Amino acid sequence: MNQPPLRLVARRRWRWVLSGHTHQRMVRRVDTITFVNAGTLHRSFRPCFARIDFADGFVTFTDVSPSGQILASERRALP
């Protein structure tokens, strides 16, 4: 997994970074920033989408079949 951009961490300006470039689902805290990677819709990489509920403190990753059918969901706590 790639290391988070250290300049973002050093600035301490943001609390959340939301991305999707690596195709890997992720919720990780580094210092004062929580990084959430939403995953991917690419068929070769376990397609999913992410919903973030800041009030309840969870990210829900929902699997999607190649035909677009909603499959299982996985919840991860926000740090």
Protein backbone atom coordinates (compact mmCIF):
# COMPACT_ATOMS: atom_id res chain seq x y z
CA MET A 1 0.00 0.00 0.00
CA ASN A 2 1.23 3.50 -0.75
CA GLN A 3 2.26 5.77 2.08
CA PRO A 4 -0.07 8.72 2.68
CA PRO A 5 1.22 12.06 1.42
CA LEU A 6 3.38 13.30 4.27
CA ARG A 7 2.82 16.95 3.37
CA LEU A 8 -0.91 16.53 4.09
CA VAL A 9 -0.13 15.04 7.48
CA ALA A 10 2.49 17.68 8.34
CA ARG A 11 0.15 20.61 7.57
CA ARG A 12 -2.52 19.40 10.04
CA ARG A 13 -5.07 21.35 8.01
CA TRP A 14 -7.51 18.58 7.09
CA ARG A 15 -9.22 15.85 9.13
CA TRP A 16 -10.39 13.68 6.22
CA VAL A 17 -8.95 12.60 2.87
CA LEU A 18 -11.32 10.66 0.58
CA SER A 19 -9.92 8.90 -2.46
CA GLY A 20 -10.24 5.89 -4.73
CA HIS A 21 -7.14 5.70 -6.87
CA THR A 22 -5.52 2.53 -5.44
CA HIS A 23 -8.61 0.30 -5.96
CA GLN A 24 -8.22 -0.93 -2.35
CA ARG A 25 -10.83 -0.32 0.34
CA MET A 26 -9.22 1.40 3.25
CA VAL A 27 -9.93 3.30 6.45
CA ARG A 28 -6.75 4.40 8.18
CA ARG A 29 -5.74 7.17 10.53
CA VAL A 30 -2.32 8.77 10.27
CA ASP A 31 -1.62 11.32 12.98
CA THR A 32 -4.63 13.68 12.81
CA ILE A 33 -5.96 12.68 9.35
CA THR A 34 -8.30 9.81 8.53
CA PHE A 35 -7.80 8.42 5.01
CA VAL A 36 -10.76 6.66 3.38
CA ASN A 37 -10.28 4.93 0.04
CA ALA A 38 -13.65 4.18 -1.51
CA GLY A 39 -12.47 1.17 -3.52
CA THR A 40 -13.30 0.77 -7.20
CA LEU A 41 -15.99 -0.19 -9.67
CA HIS A 42 -13.47 -1.99 -11.90
CA ARG A 43 -14.53 -5.63 -12.41
CA SER A 44 -11.07 -7.05 -11.72
CA PHE A 45 -10.74 -5.50 -8.26
CA ARG A 46 -13.79 -6.57 -6.18
CA PRO A 47 -16.12 -3.71 -7.25
CA CYS A 48 -17.75 -1.68 -4.50
CA PHE A 49 -18.86 1.74 -3.40
CA ALA A 50 -18.47 3.39 -0.01
CA ARG A 51 -20.87 5.35 2.19
CA ILE A 52 -19.49 7.35 5.08
CA ASP A 53 -21.70 8.06 8.08
CA PHE A 54 -19.85 10.65 10.15
CA ALA A 55 -22.63 10.81 12.77
CA ASP A 56 -22.51 7.05 13.50
CA GLY A 57 -18.76 6.76 12.85
CA PHE A 58 -18.74 4.06 10.16
CA VAL A 59 -17.77 3.51 6.54
CA THR A 60 -19.88 0.91 4.73
CA PHE A 61 -18.34 -0.75 1.67
CA THR A 62 -21.01 -2.37 -0.51
CA ASP A 63 -20.01 -4.98 -3.10
CA VAL A 64 -21.47 -4.67 -6.60
CA SER A 65 -21.69 -7.51 -9.15
CA PRO A 66 -20.51 -6.95 -12.75
CA SER A 67 -24.20 -6.64 -13.72
CA GLY A 68 -24.72 -3.90 -11.10
CA GLN A 69 -26.50 -6.02 -8.50
CA ILE A 70 -25.96 -4.95 -4.88
CA LEU A 71 -24.29 -7.71 -2.88
CA ALA A 72 -22.86 -7.93 0.66
CA SER A 73 -21.80 -4.97 2.76
CA GLU A 74 -18.91 -4.57 5.18
CA ARG A 75 -18.82 -1.90 7.91
CA ARG A 76 -15.60 -0.45 9.27
CA ALA A 77 -15.40 1.94 12.19
CA LEU A 78 -13.91 5.36 11.66
CA PRO A 79 -10.91 5.82 13.95
